[in-house]
Structures are given as C-alpha cells and as structure tokens.
Amino acid sequence: MTSEYLAGRREPYLSPFKFYVLCAAIFFLSAPVAGFTLASMLQSDTSGVLNSLVAARLAERRIDPAVFNARFDSRVQSIFPLALGATSLVLALALQLLFRKQQRPYGAHLVFALHYVSFMYFVTLGAGLAHRFGASIDVAVLTGYVLLFLYLMLALKRVYTQPTRATLAKTAVLILLVLVLNRAADTVAIRLTLALV
C-alpha cells in the first residue's frame, strides 16, 4: 500500500491516516477478546510494577475495583492510539535519517510508518489471541516480533529499493527502535490512563 500510495495510485485506498484510525478502532474493539484488559495485564504482570501502581491508585481514588477496571479499559482505548501515533512520528523521523540519500520528504516516511504501525496492531492482536488460547506469553511475543521484523524488511526492500544487506541492517536498527518505542508507548499510555481514572 505504501509504494502504491507514494507512486500516486491512491484512488482505491484509504488515506494512511484514515487507515491507521480504522486499524486502531478494529484493535480496540477486539482488544477485550484478545485479553487486552487491565485485569489481564495485572494477571500477567510478573514484575509487580503494574499491580503496585494500580493498588496505589485504587487506594487514592477509593472506588470499587470493578468500576476502576472498566474506567481504565475504556480510557486506554483513546490514549493508546495517541501514544502509537507519536511512535509513528518518531519512526518516520528515523526512516528519514536512515534513507536521507533518497531525499524523500518527511511525509513519505510518515506514510510508511503509519502503515507499519497499523500492521503492528494486527500482529499484537494475533499475539494476544495466541496467548489467550494457550501459547505462552514469551512464544506469542517472540512470534509477533519475528513477523514484525520480516514484514518490515520486505516493506523496506519494496519501498526504498536498496540492496538486501543494507535493507537488513536498517531493518535491525528500526526493529530495535520499535522495541524501545513500543515499551515507551505502553508505559506512557498506562501511566496516563491511571492518572485519568
């Protein structure tokens, strides 16, 4: 879709922003089925950090835990897409730096980033469903990142048309950045949601 959009063949496709919003909406409508709720997050919180943050906020707010969970789940649905939207902006900047010799405008890289983050929504849903239906969380997450790596490598090769070795190196750099950005987006979304509950 990115290469088609950048080549000017845009008529049969949604704009990248509308496509991103649609994928975000599908993700959050499906999120409870895939186990993306506060209750599920608390259950799989092996570090105990989220449990202690929630316990502190519950003590501060003095509301029923079921009400708290429902408010969290509804509010995170608007905050998380904003956090991932910010991730798209940073990813586009990284693409502009890595492919600066091609002298493409920032908007072209942003189109790529929006499409990639949209794909991440579906991989994340798939990982959540796999975990919910019996796969270990480690296997589900690892499989998700392998898919994200392969998709990113193939998409970079198609859109930016560089030699395989250069594409592979840039894919490795970008997937590390995606790991960091996803962690940051999760942390910001959870903490901001907790503050607003």
Protein backbone atom coordinates (compact mmCIF):
# COMPACT_ATOMS: atom_id res chain seq x y z
CA MET A 1 0.00 0.00 0.00
CA THR A 2 2.81 2.40 0.81
CA SER A 3 4.54 2.03 -2.54
CA GLU A 4 1.21 2.35 -4.36
CA TYR A 5 0.32 5.46 -2.37
CA LEU A 6 3.72 7.08 -2.95
CA ALA A 7 3.50 6.26 -6.67
CA GLY A 8 0.29 8.29 -6.83
CA ARG A 9 -2.09 5.34 -7.18
CA ARG A 10 -4.27 6.42 -4.26
CA GLU A 11 -7.81 6.10 -5.55
CA PRO A 12 -8.58 2.52 -4.40
CA TYR A 13 -7.04 3.03 -0.93
CA LEU A 14 -7.88 4.85 2.26
CA SER A 15 -5.50 7.65 3.16
CA PRO A 16 -2.73 6.46 5.50
CA PHE A 17 -4.21 8.41 8.43
CA LYS A 18 -7.72 7.02 7.88
CA PHE A 19 -6.26 3.53 7.52
CA TYR A 20 -4.37 3.97 10.81
CA VAL A 21 -7.54 5.15 12.59
CA LEU A 22 -9.53 2.22 11.18
CA CYS A 23 -6.89 -0.29 12.32
CA ALA A 24 -6.78 1.32 15.77
CA ALA A 25 -10.57 1.07 16.02
CA ILE A 26 -10.54 -2.59 14.99
CA PHE A 27 -7.80 -3.27 17.53
CA PHE A 28 -9.68 -1.73 20.42
CA LEU A 29 -12.99 -3.30 19.52
CA SER A 30 -11.21 -6.66 19.52
CA ALA A 31 -8.84 -5.95 22.44
CA PRO A 32 -11.04 -7.43 25.21
CA VAL A 33 -11.45 -10.68 23.23
CA ALA A 34 -7.66 -10.88 22.82
CA GLY A 35 -7.14 -10.33 26.54
CA PHE A 36 -6.02 -6.69 26.45
CA THR A 37 -7.78 -5.52 29.60
CA LEU A 38 -6.48 -4.23 32.90
CA ALA A 39 -7.45 -7.49 34.59
CA SER A 40 -5.39 -9.49 32.06
CA MET A 41 -2.45 -7.09 32.32
CA LEU A 42 -2.47 -7.38 36.11
CA GLN A 43 -2.59 -11.16 35.89
CA SER A 44 0.45 -11.32 33.60
CA ASP A 45 2.42 -8.61 35.49
CA THR A 46 5.37 -10.72 36.64
CA SER A 47 7.38 -7.69 37.79
CA GLY A 48 4.61 -6.46 40.08
CA VAL A 49 5.09 -2.85 38.92
CA LEU A 50 1.65 -2.50 37.37
CA ASN A 51 -0.02 -4.21 40.33
CA SER A 52 1.58 -1.74 42.75
CA LEU A 53 0.68 1.26 40.56
CA VAL A 54 -2.94 0.11 40.36
CA ALA A 55 -3.11 -0.65 44.10
CA ALA A 56 -1.78 2.83 44.90
CA ARG A 57 -4.25 4.50 42.54
CA LEU A 58 -7.15 2.41 43.91
CA ALA A 59 -6.25 3.44 47.46
CA GLU A 60 -6.06 7.07 46.40
CA ARG A 61 -9.34 7.09 44.45
CA ARG A 62 -11.26 4.79 46.84
CA ILE A 63 -13.51 3.32 44.19
CA ASP A 64 -14.67 -0.22 43.55
CA PRO A 65 -12.02 -2.27 41.67
CA ALA A 66 -14.57 -3.39 39.05
CA VAL A 67 -15.50 0.24 38.32
CA PHE A 68 -11.82 1.16 38.25
CA ASN A 69 -11.06 -1.62 35.74
CA ALA A 70 -13.97 -0.61 33.50
CA ARG A 71 -12.87 3.04 33.51
CA PHE A 72 -9.28 2.06 32.77
CA ASP A 73 -10.29 -0.20 29.87
CA SER A 74 -12.47 2.49 28.28
CA ARG A 75 -9.93 5.32 28.69
CA VAL A 76 -6.90 3.38 27.49
CA GLN A 77 -8.72 2.87 24.17
CA SER A 78 -8.33 6.56 23.34
CA ILE A 79 -4.91 7.09 24.91
CA PHE A 80 -3.04 4.10 23.43
CA PRO A 81 -3.66 5.08 19.76
CA LEU A 82 -2.31 8.55 20.55
CA ALA A 83 0.83 7.01 22.05
CA LEU A 84 1.31 4.79 18.99
CA GLY A 85 0.60 7.78 16.76
CA ALA A 86 3.55 9.53 18.42
CA THR A 87 5.56 6.36 17.76
CA SER A 88 4.73 6.74 14.06
CA LEU A 89 6.15 10.27 14.06
CA VAL A 90 9.44 9.12 15.63
CA LEU A 91 9.66 6.11 13.33
CA ALA A 92 9.18 8.37 10.30
CA LEU A 93 12.00 10.60 11.53
CA ALA A 94 14.27 7.56 11.89
CA LEU A 95 13.36 6.49 8.35
CA GLN A 96 14.20 9.95 7.07
CA LEU A 97 17.63 9.75 8.74
CA LEU A 98 18.36 6.20 7.55
CA PHE A 99 17.27 6.91 3.96
CA ARG A 100 18.41 10.54 3.73
CA LYS A 101 20.29 9.91 0.45
CA GLN A 102 16.94 9.28 -1.25
CA GLN A 103 15.87 12.83 -0.34
CA ARG A 104 12.24 11.91 0.22
CA PRO A 105 10.03 14.33 2.12
CA TYR A 106 9.15 13.52 5.74
CA GLY A 107 5.54 12.87 4.67
CA ALA A 108 6.61 9.90 2.54
CA HIS A 109 8.31 8.31 5.54
CA LEU A 110 5.27 9.07 7.69
CA VAL A 111 3.06 7.18 5.23
CA PHE A 112 5.35 4.15 5.62
CA ALA A 113 5.35 4.50 9.42
CA LEU A 114 1.55 4.75 9.64
CA HIS A 115 1.12 1.64 7.52
CA TYR A 116 3.71 -0.22 9.60
CA VAL A 117 2.16 0.74 12.94
CA SER A 118 -1.23 -0.30 11.53
CA PHE A 119 0.25 -3.72 10.79
CA MET A 120 1.57 -3.82 14.38
CA TYR A 121 -1.99 -3.53 15.67
CA PHE A 122 -2.94 -6.78 13.93
CA VAL A 123 0.22 -8.62 14.98
CA THR A 124 -0.42 -7.52 18.57
CA LEU A 125 -3.99 -8.81 18.36
CA GLY A 126 -2.74 -12.11 16.99
CA ALA A 127 -0.19 -12.43 19.82
CA GLY A 128 -2.88 -11.65 22.40
CA LEU A 129 -5.24 -14.24 20.93
CA ALA A 130 -2.46 -16.85 20.77
CA HIS A 131 -1.66 -16.25 24.44
CA ARG A 132 -5.32 -16.33 25.39
CA PHE A 133 -5.74 -19.69 23.68
CA GLY A 134 -2.78 -21.38 25.32
CA ALA A 135 0.52 -20.14 23.88
CA SER A 136 3.00 -18.86 26.43
CA ILE A 137 3.36 -15.09 26.50
CA ASP A 138 7.05 -15.41 25.57
CA VAL A 139 6.29 -17.50 22.48
CA ALA A 140 3.45 -15.17 21.43
CA VAL A 141 5.59 -12.05 21.80
CA LEU A 142 8.63 -13.59 20.09
CA THR A 143 6.50 -14.79 17.18
CA GLY A 144 4.98 -11.32 16.91
CA TYR A 145 8.37 -9.65 16.72
CA VAL A 146 9.62 -12.15 14.13
CA LEU A 147 6.58 -11.27 11.98
CA LEU A 148 7.17 -7.55 12.51
CA PHE A 149 10.84 -7.95 11.53
CA LEU A 150 10.04 -9.92 8.36
CA TYR A 151 7.28 -7.53 7.32
CA LEU A 152 9.50 -4.51 7.97
CA MET A 153 12.36 -5.99 5.95
CA LEU A 154 10.12 -6.81 2.98
CA ALA A 155 8.36 -3.43 3.13
CA LEU A 156 11.66 -1.52 3.30
CA LYS A 157 13.02 -3.53 0.37
CA ARG A 158 9.94 -2.76 -1.71
CA VAL A 159 9.51 0.92 -0.83
CA TYR A 160 13.14 2.03 -0.57
CA THR A 161 14.67 -0.43 -3.10
CA GLN A 162 18.11 -0.85 -1.56
CA PRO A 163 20.45 -3.85 -1.65
CA THR A 164 19.49 -6.71 0.66
CA ARG A 165 22.45 -6.25 3.03
CA ALA A 166 21.70 -2.54 3.56
CA THR A 167 17.99 -3.28 3.99
CA LEU A 168 18.73 -5.98 6.56
CA ALA A 169 20.99 -3.67 8.58
CA LYS A 170 18.43 -0.87 8.55
CA THR A 171 15.68 -3.32 9.47
CA ALA A 172 17.68 -4.41 12.52
CA VAL A 173 18.16 -0.79 13.61
CA LEU A 174 14.48 0.02 13.09
CA ILE A 175 13.18 -3.08 14.90
CA LEU A 176 15.31 -2.15 17.93
CA LEU A 177 13.84 1.33 17.76
CA VAL A 178 10.34 -0.17 17.51
CA LEU A 179 11.02 -2.25 20.65
CA VAL A 180 12.05 0.87 22.56
CA LEU A 181 9.17 2.96 21.19
CA ASN A 182 6.59 0.25 21.95
CA ARG A 183 7.83 -0.01 25.52
CA ALA A 184 7.68 3.77 25.89
CA ALA A 185 4.19 3.95 24.32
CA ASP A 186 2.92 1.21 26.66
CA THR A 187 4.38 2.93 29.72
CA VAL A 188 3.05 6.36 28.79
CA ALA A 189 -0.41 5.01 27.89
CA ILE A 190 -0.74 3.00 31.11
CA ARG A 191 0.51 5.75 33.40
CA LEU A 192 -1.57 8.46 31.73
CA THR A 193 -4.65 6.23 31.83
CA LEU A 194 -4.09 5.51 35.53
CA ALA A 195 -3.80 9.23 36.19
CA LEU A 196 -7.13 9.85 34.43
CA VAL A 197 -9.10 7.03 36.09
